[in-house]
């Protein structure tokens, strides 16, 4: 898995996107697990608040199946409500971690 910051995209509403290496290419390259690249479009991503950037990254990560097999999880499962649920869980874990460090 890798992250890429790009510039100059002509996409109108795209802030970030997830790319996968197809199964045939994986087999041809001798890879056992899928390879994913998360691209953030700098001009749009950089304008977001830190919380919104985190939600965008969570959204893109949620498109990657647990099997890392090269496929995608579609928007019927990855949507605002599911992203907010994961984001809230992350924030709760972070605040718990801060409390534990405080003890």
C-alpha atoms as a PDB file:
ATOM      1  CA  UNK A   1       0.000   0.000   0.000  1.00  0.00           C
ATOM      2  CA  UNK A   2       1.147   3.509  -0.746  1.00  0.00           C
ATOM      3  CA  UNK A   3      -0.069   7.102  -0.588  1.00  0.00           C
ATOM      4  CA  UNK A   4       0.383   9.699  -3.314  1.00  0.00           C
ATOM      5  CA  UNK A   5      -0.228  13.444  -3.283  1.00  0.00           C
ATOM      6  CA  UNK A   6      -1.065  14.616  -6.794  1.00  0.00           C
ATOM      7  CA  UNK A   7      -1.710  18.006  -8.370  1.00  0.00           C
ATOM      8  CA  UNK A   8      -3.408  19.215 -11.519  1.00  0.00           C
ATOM      9  CA  UNK A   9      -6.346  16.797 -11.588  1.00  0.00           C
ATOM     10  CA  UNK A  10      -9.289  17.865 -13.749  1.00  0.00           C
ATOM     11  CA  UNK A  11     -11.738  15.851 -11.623  1.00  0.00           C
ATOM     12  CA  UNK A  12     -14.395  18.224 -10.314  1.00  0.00           C
ATOM     13  CA  UNK A  13     -15.679  16.593  -7.134  1.00  0.00           C
ATOM     14  CA  UNK A  14     -12.851  14.188  -6.344  1.00  0.00           C
ATOM     15  CA  UNK A  15     -10.754  14.864  -3.249  1.00  0.00           C
ATOM     16  CA  UNK A  16      -9.047  11.466  -3.135  1.00  0.00           C
ATOM     17  CA  UNK A  17      -9.246   8.093  -4.818  1.00  0.00           C
ATOM     18  CA  UNK A  18      -8.141   4.545  -4.246  1.00  0.00           C
ATOM     19  CA  UNK A  19      -6.414   2.595  -7.014  1.00  0.00           C
ATOM     20  CA  UNK A  20      -5.830  -1.156  -7.100  1.00  0.00           C
ATOM     21  CA  UNK A  21      -3.530  -3.352  -9.098  1.00  0.00           C
ATOM     22  CA  UNK A  22      -5.685  -5.881 -10.965  1.00  0.00           C
ATOM     23  CA  UNK A  23      -5.484  -9.612 -10.252  1.00  0.00           C
ATOM     24  CA  UNK A  24      -3.801 -10.451 -13.589  1.00  0.00           C
ATOM     25  CA  UNK A  25      -1.069  -7.878 -12.977  1.00  0.00           C
ATOM     26  CA  UNK A  26      -0.606  -9.146  -9.410  1.00  0.00           C
ATOM     27  CA  UNK A  27      -0.145 -12.717 -10.612  1.00  0.00           C
ATOM     28  CA  UNK A  28       2.179 -11.580 -13.415  1.00  0.00           C
ATOM     29  CA  UNK A  29       4.338  -9.725 -10.905  1.00  0.00           C
ATOM     30  CA  UNK A  30       4.363 -12.661  -8.483  1.00  0.00           C
ATOM     31  CA  UNK A  31       2.443 -10.751  -5.783  1.00  0.00           C
ATOM     32  CA  UNK A  32       0.397 -12.787  -3.340  1.00  0.00           C
ATOM     33  CA  UNK A  33      -1.532  -9.834  -1.908  1.00  0.00           C
ATOM     34  CA  UNK A  34      -3.155  -6.904  -3.659  1.00  0.00           C
ATOM     35  CA  UNK A  35      -1.477  -3.535  -3.996  1.00  0.00           C
ATOM     36  CA  UNK A  36      -3.417  -0.365  -3.292  1.00  0.00           C
ATOM     37  CA  UNK A  37      -2.560   3.280  -3.813  1.00  0.00           C
ATOM     38  CA  UNK A  38      -4.483   6.082  -2.148  1.00  0.00           C
ATOM     39  CA  UNK A  39      -4.147   9.333  -4.064  1.00  0.00           C
ATOM     40  CA  UNK A  40      -5.092  12.680  -2.547  1.00  0.00           C
ATOM     41  CA  UNK A  41      -5.670  15.635  -4.868  1.00  0.00           C
ATOM     42  CA  UNK A  42      -3.576  18.329  -3.211  1.00  0.00           C
ATOM     43  CA  UNK A  43      -5.581  21.370  -4.361  1.00  0.00           C
ATOM     44  CA  UNK A  44      -8.752  20.045  -2.700  1.00  0.00           C
ATOM     45  CA  UNK A  45      -7.406  17.877   0.114  1.00  0.00           C
ATOM     46  CA  UNK A  46      -5.132  20.582   1.540  1.00  0.00           C
ATOM     47  CA  UNK A  47      -8.054  23.024   1.964  1.00  0.00           C
ATOM     48  CA  UNK A  48      -9.889  20.657   4.326  1.00  0.00           C
ATOM     49  CA  UNK A  49      -9.714  20.776   8.102  1.00  0.00           C
ATOM     50  CA  UNK A  50      -7.630  18.119   9.821  1.00  0.00           C
ATOM     51  CA  UNK A  51     -10.797  16.229  10.845  1.00  0.00           C
ATOM     52  CA  UNK A  52     -12.159  16.261   7.287  1.00  0.00           C
ATOM     53  CA  UNK A  53      -8.810  15.055   5.910  1.00  0.00           C
ATOM     54  CA  UNK A  54      -8.910  12.163   8.341  1.00  0.00           C
ATOM     55  CA  UNK A  55     -12.450  11.299   7.218  1.00  0.00           C
ATOM     56  CA  UNK A  56     -11.338  11.342   3.567  1.00  0.00           C
ATOM     57  CA  UNK A  57      -8.460   8.960   4.346  1.00  0.00           C
ATOM     58  CA  UNK A  58     -10.782   6.697   6.363  1.00  0.00           C
ATOM     59  CA  UNK A  59     -13.217   6.700   3.433  1.00  0.00           C
ATOM     60  CA  UNK A  60     -10.537   5.602   0.987  1.00  0.00           C
ATOM     61  CA  UNK A  61      -9.141   2.952   3.358  1.00  0.00           C
ATOM     62  CA  UNK A  62     -12.640   1.532   3.805  1.00  0.00           C
ATOM     63  CA  UNK A  63     -12.736   0.750   0.062  1.00  0.00           C
ATOM     64  CA  UNK A  64      -9.945  -1.822   0.576  1.00  0.00           C
ATOM     65  CA  UNK A  65     -11.229  -5.302   1.497  1.00  0.00           C
ATOM     66  CA  UNK A  66      -9.714  -7.079   4.493  1.00  0.00           C
ATOM     67  CA  UNK A  67      -8.428  -9.816   2.165  1.00  0.00           C
ATOM     68  CA  UNK A  68      -6.264  -7.266   0.286  1.00  0.00           C
ATOM     69  CA  UNK A  69      -7.164  -9.276  -2.801  1.00  0.00           C
ATOM     70  CA  UNK A  70      -7.133  -6.485  -5.378  1.00  0.00           C
ATOM     71  CA  UNK A  71     -10.866  -5.677  -5.364  1.00  0.00           C
ATOM     72  CA  UNK A  72     -12.858  -2.814  -3.886  1.00  0.00           C
ATOM     73  CA  UNK A  73     -15.680  -2.329  -1.418  1.00  0.00           C
ATOM     74  CA  UNK A  74     -18.267  -0.147  -3.141  1.00  0.00           C
ATOM     75  CA  UNK A  75     -20.188   2.916  -1.972  1.00  0.00           C
ATOM     76  CA  UNK A  76     -23.153   0.865  -0.790  1.00  0.00           C
ATOM     77  CA  UNK A  77     -20.929  -0.012   2.212  1.00  0.00           C
ATOM     78  CA  UNK A  78     -18.591   2.995   2.212  1.00  0.00           C
ATOM     79  CA  UNK A  79     -20.698   6.103   2.726  1.00  0.00           C
ATOM     80  CA  UNK A  80     -20.923   9.110   5.032  1.00  0.00           C
ATOM     81  CA  UNK A  81     -22.634   7.234   7.889  1.00  0.00           C
ATOM     82  CA  UNK A  82     -20.147   4.334   7.880  1.00  0.00           C
ATOM     83  CA  UNK A  83     -17.173   6.710   7.635  1.00  0.00           C
ATOM     84  CA  UNK A  84     -18.517   8.788  10.539  1.00  0.00           C
ATOM     85  CA  UNK A  85     -18.962   5.611  12.601  1.00  0.00           C
ATOM     86  CA  UNK A  86     -15.302   4.635  12.069  1.00  0.00           C
ATOM     87  CA  UNK A  87     -14.162   8.225  12.621  1.00  0.00           C
ATOM     88  CA  UNK A  88     -16.050   8.431  15.943  1.00  0.00           C
ATOM     89  CA  UNK A  89     -14.606   5.080  17.019  1.00  0.00           C
ATOM     90  CA  UNK A  90     -11.108   6.356  16.198  1.00  0.00           C
ATOM     91  CA  UNK A  91     -11.713   9.573  18.187  1.00  0.00           C
ATOM     92  CA  UNK A  92     -12.992   7.555  21.170  1.00  0.00           C
ATOM     93  CA  UNK A  93      -9.921   5.324  21.072  1.00  0.00           C
ATOM     94  CA  UNK A  94      -7.679   8.385  20.862  1.00  0.00           C
ATOM     95  CA  UNK A  95      -9.322  10.040  23.860  1.00  0.00           C
ATOM     96  CA  UNK A  96      -9.061   6.768  25.802  1.00  0.00           C
ATOM     97  CA  UNK A  97      -5.359   6.594  24.913  1.00  0.00           C
ATOM     98  CA  UNK A  98      -4.905  10.172  26.182  1.00  0.00           C
ATOM     99  CA  UNK A  99      -6.634   9.265  29.450  1.00  0.00           C
ATOM    100  CA  UNK A 100      -4.421   6.215  29.932  1.00  0.00           C
ATOM    101  CA  UNK A 101      -1.266   8.289  29.297  1.00  0.00           C
ATOM    102  CA  UNK A 102      -2.529  10.819  31.816  1.00  0.00           C
ATOM    103  CA  UNK A 103      -2.705   8.189  34.583  1.00  0.00           C
END
